[in-house]
Amino acid sequence: MTASSGLDTALTPLSFLEKAARVFPEATAVVDGPRRQSYAEFADRATRLASLLRMRGVARGDRVGVLAPNSAEALLAQFAVPLAGGAVVALNTRLAPPEVAYIAEHAGISVLIADAGLLAGLGDEVPESIRLILVAPDADGTQPDPARFGPRAEALEVGLASASPQPVSWTVEDENAVIAVNYTSGTTGRPKGVMYTHRGAYLNALGEIITQGLDADSRYLWTLPMFHCNGWCTTWALTGAMGTHVCLRAVRGDEIWRLFDDEGINRLAGAPAVLSTIADDPAARPMEGIRMITAGAPPSPTILRRFEDLGIDVTQVYGLTETYGPITVCTPQPVWTDLDPDDRAGLKSRQGVAMIHADTIRVVERTSPGEKHLVDVPADGVTMGEVVMTGNGVMKGYFADPEATATAFAGGWFHSGDLGVMHPDGYVQLLDRAKDVVVSGGENISTIEVEQAIVSHPDVVDCAVVSMPDEKWGERPKAYVVVRPGSELDENGVIDHCRTRIARYKVPGAVELTEALPRTSTGKVRKNELRDAAWSGWDKRIN
């Protein structure tokens, strides 16, 4: 073993912005509506925001929340917060106020960078624990008056103008320090905070640069939410490649096609639902030079075939919040080119092999909790097991939850809860889910959380939620509900009630009233029977 030279530096993606501003200071870094920022301006704003956060009391290791659509400010926070020594907590913009409050409390968020429209949506439910709110500019660059949000709110642009522009260190002392905490729904009904490190973010970003083919000529359209795993680490990756971030605050087909033309977009990413939005728009037509990656749910061979007809190259990746986003990629084999288009699309719909930064992915026999010896299933494309991962592409652990962390890493590997097969060529393919999680349009939805919302209605006696297929979103929750005798509560009433309790994307796509739920002798709901009914006629349990 060769001894260290003593000149090693801690890995951090913060260095990407420093280098981009030094090498290409005048290159366009960010496009957000009418606003354009060069890399020099981007780095200056990051420096100023880091200084402002320190002035406002953010200390090393503090968590800073971000509630914003894909925008220059959401991107800015990915660098400025860790530059100030904190960890960025990017909040899902579709969460209901009680969900935001829970995450703010659990993560210990005391400072929130927020879009005015989303902040207004919280109403009077902005958590009291948040002592400072920095209100971001609107889409047109106008700075909203923070006074309407009370004494805790300040105008972000005013703060940046008064903050110190003096250079700060773009390095970190400990590459294993937490750079971000991303919350994901689990099986307990409460989201868990997934901790990313500077080292992990750096290496995963390099993996994205290679997988997506990013470089200085890349013009990347943000159809993928920046709050999702820090945009699958692409907030850092594209900056490292010195490409151009083109922000898209709402995914609309007509706007995507306009930006394809007006901004020369050649890179983007998103869930299969985004693919459908693009392909279904009246403006859809054959294009050249556009590469897209997709994940969140396996894309159907049908949509992949449609994109071939559009001339847009689509590659599937797979991962979880716990793996910094993508960790596998369905790398195309040269021999696939000569196959029938439908056969080729079927091969491309698999989850693939480990990305360059990740260790080999395994499919192992299902084990009991705490089992340390993991046995691989045969690579026959038939025998189903659980997909497990290890290495630099896996989270540090769950924030403030050592018990859940230990369970997730049983046997020294991270247990995804996804069930699949290993094909003879070494490519993984998902077939089902072990966790009670519905993945809808790339969003994780805990069935227990939805059940809790439903049973909060006084006329609901019992309920169970499972996944059901959905042509656009891949999956949606379906609820089987038992109501009190004599109640007038119907399916629409259950849905309307859910809309007052949880985010709209978590609301069941269908409700079926039933006299009783099927249960085991020990009283557990036989969700497999309900799931069988919901997926009747479909070949796979992941759509």
Protein backbone atom coordinates (compact mmCIF):
# COMPACT_ATOMS: atom_id res chain seq x y z
CA MET A 1 0.00 0.00 0.00
CA THR A 2 1.37 3.41 -0.95
CA ALA A 3 1.46 5.98 1.82
CA SER A 4 -0.45 9.24 1.44
CA SER A 5 1.63 12.17 0.20
CA GLY A 6 -0.02 14.45 2.72
CA LEU A 7 -1.32 16.62 -0.13
CA ASP A 8 -4.78 15.06 -0.34
CA THR A 9 -7.71 17.50 -0.35
CA ALA A 10 -11.23 16.80 0.87
CA LEU A 11 -13.67 16.18 -1.97
CA THR A 12 -16.56 18.62 -2.31
CA PRO A 13 -18.76 19.70 -5.24
CA LEU A 14 -18.41 23.30 -4.02
CA SER A 15 -15.12 23.34 -5.91
CA PHE A 16 -17.05 22.95 -9.16
CA LEU A 17 -18.53 26.44 -8.96
CA GLU A 18 -15.22 28.04 -7.97
CA LYS A 19 -13.52 26.42 -10.96
CA ALA A 20 -16.32 27.29 -13.41
CA ALA A 21 -16.22 30.94 -12.34
CA ARG A 22 -12.44 30.98 -12.75
CA VAL A 23 -12.29 29.20 -16.12
CA PHE A 24 -15.48 30.48 -17.81
CA PRO A 25 -16.46 33.64 -15.88
CA GLU A 26 -18.51 35.14 -18.73
CA ALA A 27 -20.23 31.91 -19.80
CA THR A 28 -23.98 31.73 -19.12
CA ALA A 29 -24.51 29.67 -15.99
CA VAL A 30 -28.20 30.19 -15.26
CA VAL A 31 -31.28 31.08 -17.30
CA ASP A 32 -34.42 31.72 -15.25
CA GLY A 33 -37.14 33.36 -17.31
CA PRO A 34 -35.88 36.79 -18.34
CA ARG A 35 -32.89 36.57 -15.98
CA ARG A 36 -29.45 35.40 -17.07
CA GLN A 37 -26.41 34.99 -14.84
CA SER A 38 -22.82 34.32 -15.80
CA TYR A 39 -20.65 31.94 -13.80
CA ALA A 40 -18.88 34.93 -12.28
CA GLU A 41 -22.25 36.32 -11.12
CA PHE A 42 -23.40 32.91 -9.90
CA ALA A 43 -20.28 32.48 -7.78
CA ASP A 44 -20.57 36.04 -6.43
CA ARG A 45 -24.18 35.45 -5.37
CA ALA A 46 -23.20 32.16 -3.71
CA THR A 47 -20.45 33.94 -1.80
CA ARG A 48 -22.80 36.69 -0.71
CA LEU A 49 -25.56 34.30 0.37
CA ALA A 50 -23.07 32.23 2.36
CA SER A 51 -21.89 35.41 4.08
CA LEU A 52 -25.49 36.48 4.72
CA LEU A 53 -26.37 33.13 6.29
CA ARG A 54 -23.35 33.35 8.58
CA MET A 55 -24.34 36.90 9.53
CA ARG A 56 -27.81 35.60 10.40
CA GLY A 57 -26.40 32.95 12.72
CA VAL A 58 -26.08 29.82 10.58
CA ALA A 59 -23.31 27.72 12.10
CA ARG A 60 -21.41 24.68 10.87
CA GLY A 61 -23.72 21.69 10.56
CA ASP A 62 -26.97 23.70 10.77
CA ARG A 63 -29.76 22.69 8.39
CA VAL A 64 -31.18 25.39 6.12
CA GLY A 65 -34.49 24.75 4.36
CA VAL A 66 -35.29 25.66 0.78
CA LEU A 67 -38.88 25.84 -0.47
CA ALA A 68 -38.70 26.96 -4.08
CA PRO A 69 -39.53 25.79 -7.61
CA ASN A 70 -36.75 25.15 -10.11
CA SER A 71 -35.21 28.60 -10.11
CA ALA A 72 -31.95 30.51 -9.86
CA GLU A 73 -32.44 30.72 -6.09
CA ALA A 74 -33.10 26.99 -5.63
CA LEU A 75 -29.88 26.31 -7.53
CA LEU A 76 -28.01 29.02 -5.62
CA ALA A 77 -28.88 27.42 -2.28
CA GLN A 78 -27.29 24.11 -3.34
CA PHE A 79 -23.92 25.86 -3.19
CA ALA A 80 -24.40 28.77 -0.79
CA VAL A 81 -25.79 26.79 2.14
CA PRO A 82 -22.90 24.30 2.34
CA LEU A 83 -20.49 27.14 1.54
CA ALA A 84 -21.71 28.70 4.80
CA GLY A 85 -21.02 25.39 6.54
CA GLY A 86 -24.63 24.22 6.66
CA ALA A 87 -26.58 21.37 5.09
CA VAL A 88 -29.26 22.18 2.53
CA VAL A 89 -32.72 20.67 3.06
CA ALA A 90 -34.60 21.07 -0.23
CA LEU A 91 -38.31 20.69 0.51
CA ASN A 92 -40.72 19.07 -1.90
CA THR A 93 -42.80 21.95 -3.24
CA ARG A 94 -45.93 19.77 -3.36
CA LEU A 95 -46.07 19.02 0.35
CA ALA A 96 -49.01 20.09 2.50
CA PRO A 97 -48.32 22.58 5.35
CA PRO A 98 -48.34 19.90 8.11
CA GLU A 99 -45.78 17.90 6.14
CA VAL A 100 -43.50 20.91 5.79
CA ALA A 101 -43.88 21.57 9.50
CA TYR A 102 -42.87 18.02 10.41
CA ILE A 103 -39.71 18.12 8.30
CA ALA A 104 -38.78 21.58 9.61
CA GLU A 105 -39.10 20.33 13.17
CA HIS A 106 -37.35 17.00 12.59
CA ALA A 107 -34.44 18.56 10.70
CA GLY A 108 -34.16 21.48 13.10
CA ILE A 109 -34.56 24.05 10.34
CA SER A 110 -34.36 27.58 11.71
CA VAL A 111 -33.69 29.43 8.44
CA LEU A 112 -35.86 29.00 5.35
CA ILE A 113 -35.20 30.30 1.83
CA ALA A 114 -38.63 30.43 0.20
CA ASP A 115 -40.52 31.39 -2.91
CA ALA A 116 -43.25 33.91 -2.07
CA GLY A 117 -46.02 31.95 -3.78
CA LEU A 118 -45.15 28.71 -2.01
CA LEU A 119 -44.71 30.54 1.26
CA ALA A 120 -48.17 32.06 0.90
CA GLY A 121 -49.50 28.53 0.38
CA LEU A 122 -48.40 27.65 3.91
CA GLY A 123 -50.75 30.33 5.25
CA ASP A 124 -50.48 30.61 9.02
CA GLU A 125 -48.75 27.23 9.27
CA VAL A 126 -45.14 28.39 8.90
CA PRO A 127 -43.45 26.54 11.78
CA GLU A 128 -42.62 28.71 14.77
CA SER A 129 -39.20 27.07 14.95
CA ILE A 130 -38.19 28.95 11.79
CA ARG A 131 -36.73 32.23 13.03
CA LEU A 132 -35.73 33.66 9.65
CA ILE A 133 -37.36 33.51 6.21
CA LEU A 134 -35.45 34.81 3.20
CA VAL A 135 -38.06 35.57 0.53
CA ALA A 136 -36.76 34.85 -2.99
CA PRO A 137 -37.52 36.90 -6.12
CA ASP A 138 -40.48 36.07 -8.35
CA ALA A 139 -40.10 34.46 -11.77
CA ASP A 140 -39.63 37.84 -13.46
CA GLY A 141 -36.92 38.83 -10.98
CA THR A 142 -39.13 41.17 -8.95
CA GLN A 143 -38.40 41.09 -5.24
CA PRO A 144 -41.66 40.60 -3.26
CA ASP A 145 -42.23 42.70 -0.18
CA PRO A 146 -41.40 40.44 2.78
CA ALA A 147 -43.56 42.49 5.16
CA ARG A 148 -46.66 40.45 4.31
CA PHE A 149 -45.00 37.39 5.80
CA GLY A 150 -44.41 38.98 9.17
CA PRO A 151 -41.38 40.12 11.17
CA ARG A 152 -39.42 36.92 10.54
CA ALA A 153 -39.17 37.57 6.79
CA GLU A 154 -36.46 39.44 4.90
CA ALA A 155 -36.00 40.18 1.20
CA LEU A 156 -33.31 37.88 -0.18
CA GLU A 157 -32.10 40.39 -2.75
CA VAL A 158 -31.76 43.13 -0.15
CA GLY A 159 -29.74 40.78 2.04
CA LEU A 160 -27.47 39.77 -0.83
CA ALA A 161 -26.80 43.41 -1.70
CA SER A 162 -25.67 44.13 1.86
CA ALA A 163 -23.68 40.92 2.34
CA SER A 164 -19.93 40.73 2.00
CA PRO A 165 -18.62 39.86 -1.48
CA GLN A 166 -15.23 38.89 -0.03
CA PRO A 167 -14.04 35.47 -1.22
CA VAL A 168 -14.65 32.54 1.09
CA SER A 169 -12.99 29.15 1.08
CA TRP A 170 -14.50 26.71 -1.40
CA THR A 171 -12.90 23.81 0.46
CA VAL A 172 -14.07 21.75 3.42
CA GLU A 173 -12.11 20.20 6.24
CA ASP A 174 -14.10 16.97 6.34
CA GLU A 175 -15.37 15.42 3.11
CA ASN A 176 -17.65 13.17 5.15
CA ALA A 177 -19.51 16.14 6.61
CA VAL A 178 -23.18 16.39 5.62
CA ILE A 179 -23.85 18.60 2.61
CA ALA A 180 -27.60 17.88 2.28
CA VAL A 181 -30.49 16.15 4.00
CA ASN A 182 -33.21 14.92 1.64
CA TYR A 183 -36.50 13.67 3.01
CA THR A 184 -38.17 10.64 1.50
CA SER A 185 -41.35 8.81 2.33
CA GLY A 186 -40.93 5.45 4.00
CA THR A 187 -43.12 2.67 5.31
CA THR A 188 -43.70 4.22 8.72
CA GLY A 189 -45.84 7.08 7.47
CA ARG A 190 -43.17 9.62 8.41
CA PRO A 191 -40.47 10.79 5.99
CA LYS A 192 -36.85 10.05 6.85
CA GLY A 193 -33.96 12.46 6.35
CA VAL A 194 -31.30 10.98 4.07
CA MET A 195 -27.83 12.39 4.73
CA TYR A 196 -25.52 13.14 1.81
CA THR A 197 -21.83 13.88 2.34
CA HIS A 198 -19.55 16.22 0.40
CA ARG A 199 -17.56 13.21 -0.80
CA GLY A 200 -20.63 11.26 -1.90
CA ALA A 201 -22.11 14.28 -3.69
CA TYR A 202 -18.80 14.93 -5.48
CA LEU A 203 -18.46 11.34 -6.71
CA ASN A 204 -22.13 10.99 -7.65
CA ALA A 205 -21.93 14.26 -9.57
CA LEU A 206 -18.97 12.92 -11.55
CA GLY A 207 -21.06 9.83 -12.29
CA GLU A 208 -23.83 12.06 -13.63
CA ILE A 209 -21.40 14.01 -15.82
CA ILE A 210 -20.34 10.77 -17.49
CA THR A 211 -23.77 9.12 -17.63
CA GLN A 212 -25.53 12.18 -19.05
CA GLY A 213 -22.63 13.23 -21.28
CA LEU A 214 -22.44 16.71 -19.74
CA ASP A 215 -19.90 19.30 -20.91
CA ALA A 216 -19.54 23.05 -21.43
CA ASP A 217 -21.86 22.88 -24.44
CA SER A 218 -24.66 21.26 -22.44
CA ARG A 219 -27.82 23.31 -22.17
CA TYR A 220 -29.78 21.47 -19.51
CA LEU A 221 -33.52 22.00 -19.04
CA TRP A 222 -34.65 21.53 -15.43
CA THR A 223 -37.72 19.36 -15.95
CA LEU A 224 -36.47 17.33 -12.97
CA PRO A 225 -37.24 18.96 -9.58
CA MET A 226 -34.14 20.34 -7.91
CA PHE A 227 -35.57 19.17 -4.58
CA HIS A 228 -35.33 15.54 -5.76
CA CYS A 229 -31.96 14.29 -4.46
CA ASN A 230 -30.52 17.72 -5.27
CA GLY A 231 -31.71 17.19 -8.81
CA TRP A 232 -30.08 13.72 -8.86
CA CYS A 233 -26.86 15.59 -8.00
CA THR A 234 -27.11 17.39 -11.35
CA THR A 235 -27.24 20.80 -9.65
CA TRP A 236 -23.57 20.12 -8.87
CA ALA A 237 -22.75 17.95 -11.90
CA LEU A 238 -23.78 20.43 -14.60
CA THR A 239 -21.89 23.18 -12.79
CA GLY A 240 -18.83 20.92 -12.73
CA ALA A 241 -19.22 20.44 -16.48
CA MET A 242 -19.60 24.23 -16.83
CA GLY A 243 -22.84 23.88 -18.78
CA THR A 244 -25.95 26.10 -18.70
CA HIS A 245 -28.82 25.58 -16.24
CA VAL A 246 -32.17 26.50 -17.84
CA CYS A 247 -34.78 26.66 -15.07
CA LEU A 248 -38.34 25.49 -15.61
CA ARG A 249 -40.68 26.36 -12.76
CA ALA A 250 -43.60 24.22 -13.99
CA VAL A 251 -43.52 21.22 -16.33
CA ARG A 252 -45.71 22.05 -19.33
CA GLY A 253 -45.35 20.47 -22.72
CA ASP A 254 -45.71 23.70 -24.70
CA GLU A 255 -43.10 25.48 -22.59
CA ILE A 256 -40.66 22.57 -22.88
CA TRP A 257 -40.91 22.60 -26.67
CA ARG A 258 -40.53 26.39 -26.73
CA LEU A 259 -37.35 26.14 -24.69
CA PHE A 260 -36.06 23.35 -26.92
CA ASP A 261 -36.15 25.92 -29.72
CA ASP A 262 -35.38 29.21 -27.96
CA GLU A 263 -32.64 27.97 -25.63
CA GLY A 264 -31.14 25.20 -27.73
CA ILE A 265 -31.80 22.55 -25.07
CA ASN A 266 -29.80 19.35 -25.57
CA ARG A 267 -29.96 17.69 -22.13
CA LEU A 268 -32.78 17.02 -19.65
CA ALA A 269 -34.06 14.42 -17.21
CA GLY A 270 -37.32 13.40 -15.62
CA ALA A 271 -39.76 10.69 -14.64
CA PRO A 272 -41.73 8.75 -17.29
CA ALA A 273 -44.63 11.14 -16.72
CA VAL A 274 -42.41 13.92 -18.11
CA LEU A 275 -41.71 11.76 -21.15
CA SER A 276 -45.45 11.49 -21.76
CA THR A 277 -45.89 15.25 -21.34
CA ILE A 278 -43.24 15.88 -23.99
CA ALA A 279 -44.46 13.26 -26.45
CA ASP A 280 -48.15 14.15 -26.09
CA ASP A 281 -47.73 17.87 -26.74
CA PRO A 282 -49.07 19.10 -30.12
CA ALA A 283 -45.67 20.70 -30.80
CA ALA A 284 -43.90 17.33 -30.64
CA ARG A 285 -41.81 16.66 -33.75
CA PRO A 286 -38.52 14.93 -34.62
CA MET A 287 -35.45 16.59 -33.11
CA GLU A 288 -31.70 16.05 -33.20
CA GLY A 289 -28.98 16.15 -30.58
CA ILE A 290 -31.17 15.84 -27.45
CA ARG A 291 -30.28 13.31 -24.76
CA MET A 292 -32.55 12.56 -21.83
CA ILE A 293 -32.35 10.27 -18.83
CA THR A 294 -35.39 8.97 -17.03
CA ALA A 295 -36.02 7.35 -13.66
CA GLY A 296 -38.53 7.31 -10.83
CA ALA A 297 -40.49 4.45 -12.37
CA PRO A 298 -39.58 2.07 -15.18
CA PRO A 299 -40.58 3.62 -18.53
CA SER A 300 -42.78 1.49 -20.73
CA PRO A 301 -41.32 0.15 -23.96
CA THR A 302 -44.12 2.05 -25.71
CA ILE A 303 -42.94 5.49 -24.56
CA LEU A 304 -39.31 4.59 -25.31
CA ARG A 305 -40.33 3.65 -28.84
CA ARG A 306 -42.15 6.99 -29.24
CA PHE A 307 -39.00 8.84 -28.24
CA GLU A 308 -36.99 6.90 -30.79
CA ASP A 309 -39.44 8.21 -33.40
CA LEU A 310 -38.86 11.75 -32.06
CA GLY A 311 -35.10 11.31 -32.39
CA ILE A 312 -34.57 11.97 -28.68
CA ASP A 313 -32.15 9.53 -27.07
CA VAL A 314 -33.54 8.25 -23.74
CA THR A 315 -31.49 6.26 -21.24
CA GLN A 316 -33.00 4.79 -18.11
CA VAL A 317 -31.27 5.11 -14.75
CA TYR A 318 -32.40 3.77 -11.39
CA GLY A 319 -31.85 4.70 -7.79
CA LEU A 320 -33.39 5.98 -4.60
CA THR A 321 -33.07 9.02 -2.42
CA GLU A 322 -30.73 6.86 -0.30
CA THR A 323 -28.38 6.44 -3.30
CA TYR A 324 -28.07 10.14 -4.17
CA GLY A 325 -30.54 9.49 -6.98
CA PRO A 326 -29.35 7.33 -9.90
CA ILE A 327 -26.95 4.48 -9.14
CA THR A 328 -27.53 2.22 -12.16
CA VAL A 329 -27.81 2.96 -15.86
CA CYS A 330 -29.20 0.85 -18.68
CA THR A 331 -26.08 1.16 -20.82
CA PRO A 332 -27.00 0.24 -24.41
CA GLN A 333 -25.07 -2.62 -25.98
CA PRO A 334 -23.86 -2.21 -29.59
CA VAL A 335 -25.74 -5.35 -30.67
CA TRP A 336 -29.04 -3.78 -29.64
CA THR A 337 -28.86 -1.44 -32.63
CA ASP A 338 -29.77 -4.22 -35.06
CA LEU A 339 -32.70 -5.52 -33.02
CA ASP A 340 -36.38 -5.02 -33.74
CA PRO A 341 -37.38 -1.63 -32.26
CA ASP A 342 -39.84 -3.22 -29.84
CA ASP A 343 -37.22 -5.73 -28.63
CA ARG A 344 -34.69 -2.93 -28.22
CA ALA A 345 -37.18 -0.84 -26.24
CA GLY A 346 -37.81 -3.81 -23.96
CA LEU A 347 -34.10 -4.14 -23.19
CA LYS A 348 -33.80 -0.39 -22.62
CA SER A 349 -36.64 -0.49 -20.08
CA ARG A 350 -34.48 -2.50 -17.65
CA GLN A 351 -32.67 -0.78 -14.77
CA GLY A 352 -29.21 -1.82 -15.95
CA VAL A 353 -25.78 -1.94 -14.35
CA ALA A 354 -23.92 0.13 -11.76
CA MET A 355 -22.85 3.62 -12.83
CA ILE A 356 -19.13 4.32 -12.94
CA HIS A 357 -18.94 5.79 -9.43
CA ALA A 358 -20.93 2.94 -7.84
CA ASP A 359 -20.06 -0.55 -6.65
CA THR A 360 -21.66 -3.58 -8.32
CA ILE A 361 -25.39 -3.94 -7.63
CA ARG A 362 -26.59 -7.26 -6.26
CA VAL A 363 -29.95 -9.07 -6.24
CA VAL A 364 -30.10 -11.26 -3.13
CA GLU A 365 -32.48 -13.67 -1.50
CA ARG A 366 -34.96 -12.01 0.82
CA THR A 367 -33.72 -12.23 4.39
CA SER A 368 -35.16 -11.73 7.84
CA PRO A 369 -34.30 -8.46 9.65
CA GLY A 370 -30.76 -8.44 10.98
CA GLU A 371 -29.54 -11.25 8.70
CA LYS A 372 -25.84 -10.69 7.94
CA HIS A 373 -25.25 -13.32 5.26
CA LEU A 374 -26.63 -12.26 1.89
CA VAL A 375 -26.98 -14.84 -0.89
CA ASP A 376 -27.22 -13.80 -4.53
CA VAL A 377 -30.08 -15.17 -6.59
CA PRO A 378 -29.22 -16.98 -9.85
CA ALA A 379 -28.61 -14.62 -12.78
CA ASP A 380 -31.37 -16.25 -14.79
CA GLY A 381 -33.74 -13.33 -15.31
CA VAL A 382 -36.43 -15.27 -13.45
CA THR A 383 -35.53 -15.75 -9.79
CA MET A 384 -36.67 -12.70 -7.86
CA GLY A 385 -34.77 -11.16 -4.94
CA GLU A 386 -34.08 -7.81 -3.28
CA VAL A 387 -31.83 -5.21 -4.89
CA VAL A 388 -29.01 -4.14 -2.54
CA MET A 389 -26.18 -1.62 -2.89
CA THR A 390 -23.02 -0.48 -1.13
CA GLY A 391 -20.13 1.94 -1.67
CA ASN A 392 -19.69 5.63 -2.37
CA GLY A 393 -23.09 5.91 -4.02
CA VAL A 394 -25.01 5.20 -0.82
CA MET A 395 -26.11 7.64 1.88
CA LYS A 396 -24.30 8.25 5.15
CA GLY A 397 -27.47 7.27 7.02
CA TYR A 398 -30.82 8.61 8.18
CA PHE A 399 -30.71 11.86 10.10
CA ALA A 400 -31.41 11.39 13.82
CA ASP A 401 -32.58 7.81 13.24
CA PRO A 402 -29.83 5.27 14.06
CA GLU A 403 -32.32 2.42 14.35
CA ALA A 404 -33.65 2.88 10.82
CA THR A 405 -30.08 3.28 9.56
CA ALA A 406 -29.00 -0.02 11.12
CA THR A 407 -31.99 -1.81 9.62
CA ALA A 408 -31.35 -0.35 6.17
CA PHE A 409 -27.70 -1.49 6.23
CA ALA A 410 -28.28 -5.05 7.50
CA GLY A 411 -25.50 -7.31 6.28
CA GLY A 412 -23.34 -4.35 5.29
CA TRP A 413 -25.43 -3.49 2.22
CA PHE A 414 -28.22 -0.99 1.75
CA HIS A 415 -31.56 -2.74 1.29
CA SER A 416 -33.61 -0.95 -1.35
CA GLY A 417 -36.88 -2.77 -0.67
CA ASP A 418 -37.20 -3.19 -4.45
CA LEU A 419 -37.61 -6.69 -5.83
CA GLY A 420 -36.14 -7.71 -9.15
CA VAL A 421 -34.14 -10.21 -11.15
CA MET A 422 -30.58 -10.40 -12.38
CA HIS A 423 -30.34 -11.21 -16.07
CA PRO A 424 -27.55 -13.38 -17.48
CA ASP A 425 -25.95 -10.29 -19.04
CA GLY A 426 -25.63 -8.67 -15.58
CA TYR A 427 -28.48 -6.20 -16.04
CA VAL A 428 -30.95 -5.71 -13.18
CA GLN A 429 -34.68 -5.47 -13.81
CA LEU A 430 -37.27 -4.47 -11.20
CA LEU A 431 -40.50 -6.42 -10.92
CA ASP A 432 -42.17 -5.48 -7.63
CA ARG A 433 -41.74 -3.55 -4.39
CA ALA A 434 -41.31 -4.93 -0.92
CA LYS A 435 -42.01 -1.61 0.76
CA ASP A 436 -45.49 -0.16 1.07
CA VAL A 437 -44.53 2.74 -1.14
CA VAL A 438 -46.27 3.95 -4.27
CA VAL A 439 -43.97 5.66 -6.77
CA SER A 440 -46.11 8.11 -8.73
CA GLY A 441 -44.46 10.31 -11.32
CA GLY A 442 -41.15 9.81 -9.51
CA GLU A 443 -42.61 10.78 -6.11
CA ASN A 444 -42.50 8.30 -3.23
CA ILE A 445 -45.87 8.00 -1.46
CA SER A 446 -46.15 6.08 1.79
CA THR A 447 -49.36 4.03 1.79
CA ILE A 448 -49.45 4.27 5.57
CA GLU A 449 -49.39 8.06 5.38
CA VAL A 450 -52.36 8.03 3.00
CA GLU A 451 -54.19 5.56 5.23
CA GLN A 452 -53.66 7.84 8.21
CA ALA A 453 -55.19 10.73 6.29
CA ILE A 454 -58.23 8.65 5.32
CA VAL A 455 -58.97 7.24 8.78
CA SER A 456 -58.87 10.76 10.22
CA HIS A 457 -62.36 11.16 8.73
CA PRO A 458 -64.92 10.44 11.48
CA ASP A 459 -67.03 8.19 9.23
CA VAL A 460 -64.15 5.91 8.21
CA VAL A 461 -63.90 2.65 10.16
CA ASP A 462 -61.04 1.00 8.32
CA CYS A 463 -58.96 1.36 5.18
CA ALA A 464 -56.01 0.01 3.24
CA VAL A 465 -54.02 1.65 0.45
CA VAL A 466 -52.07 -0.10 -2.29
CA SER A 467 -50.65 0.90 -5.65
CA MET A 468 -52.65 0.75 -8.85
CA PRO A 469 -51.45 1.24 -12.44
CA ASP A 470 -51.73 4.65 -14.06
CA GLU A 471 -50.93 5.32 -17.72
CA LYS A 472 -49.47 8.78 -17.09
CA TRP A 473 -47.94 8.62 -13.62
CA GLY A 474 -46.90 4.97 -13.58
CA GLU A 475 -48.68 4.33 -10.29
CA ARG A 476 -51.28 6.00 -8.11
CA PRO A 477 -52.60 5.09 -4.66
CA LYS A 478 -55.85 3.16 -4.52
CA ALA A 479 -57.84 3.09 -1.28
CA TYR A 480 -60.17 0.37 -0.05
CA VAL A 481 -62.38 1.99 2.59
CA VAL A 482 -64.88 0.72 5.15
CA VAL A 483 -67.34 3.40 6.32
CA ARG A 484 -69.65 3.51 9.31
CA PRO A 485 -73.14 2.02 8.83
CA GLY A 486 -75.59 4.71 7.75
CA SER A 487 -72.84 7.11 6.67
CA GLU A 488 -73.36 9.09 3.47
CA LEU A 489 -69.62 9.30 2.86
CA ASP A 490 -68.86 8.22 -0.70
CA GLU A 491 -65.74 7.83 -2.84
CA ASN A 492 -65.60 11.52 -3.78
CA GLY A 493 -66.00 12.49 -0.13
CA VAL A 494 -62.96 10.40 0.82
CA ILE A 495 -60.91 12.04 -1.91
CA ASP A 496 -62.05 15.54 -0.92
CA HIS A 497 -61.11 14.82 2.71
CA CYS A 498 -57.65 13.62 1.70
CA ARG A 499 -57.03 16.85 -0.19
CA THR A 500 -57.30 18.74 3.10
CA ARG A 501 -54.77 16.49 4.84
CA ILE A 502 -52.01 15.55 2.40
CA ALA A 503 -50.36 16.79 -0.79
CA ARG A 504 -52.54 16.46 -3.88
CA TYR A 505 -50.20 13.97 -5.57
CA LYS A 506 -50.66 11.61 -2.60
CA VAL A 507 -54.46 11.66 -2.82
CA PRO A 508 -55.88 8.31 -4.02
CA GLY A 509 -56.55 8.05 -7.72
CA ALA A 510 -59.43 5.71 -6.92
CA VAL A 511 -61.46 4.76 -3.86
CA GLU A 512 -63.42 1.55 -3.49
CA LEU A 513 -65.91 1.22 -0.64
CA THR A 514 -66.07 -2.26 0.85
CA GLU A 515 -67.82 -3.95 3.75
CA ALA A 516 -64.59 -5.38 5.16
CA LEU A 517 -60.90 -5.73 4.42
CA PRO A 518 -59.33 -9.16 3.93
CA ARG A 519 -57.17 -10.00 6.95
CA THR A 520 -54.86 -12.76 8.15
CA SER A 521 -55.51 -14.77 11.31
CA THR A 522 -53.32 -12.32 13.19
CA GLY A 523 -55.32 -9.35 11.98
CA LYS A 524 -52.97 -8.04 9.29
CA VAL A 525 -54.56 -6.74 6.10
CA ARG A 526 -53.90 -9.01 3.13
CA LYS A 527 -52.57 -6.24 0.94
CA ASN A 528 -51.36 -8.76 -1.59
CA GLU A 529 -54.98 -9.63 -2.38
CA LEU A 530 -55.94 -5.99 -2.76
CA ARG A 531 -52.86 -5.35 -4.90
CA ASP A 532 -53.70 -8.37 -7.06
CA ALA A 533 -57.12 -6.89 -7.73
CA ALA A 534 -55.78 -3.41 -8.45
CA TRP A 535 -53.16 -4.74 -10.90
CA SER A 536 -55.34 -7.36 -12.56
CA GLY A 537 -54.41 -7.63 -16.23
CA TRP A 538 -50.92 -6.12 -15.85
CA ASP A 539 -47.74 -8.20 -16.25
CA LYS A 540 -45.63 -6.34 -13.66
CA ARG A 541 -46.26 -4.72 -10.30
CA ILE A 542 -44.12 -1.70 -11.17
CA ASN A 543 -45.42 0.42 -14.01
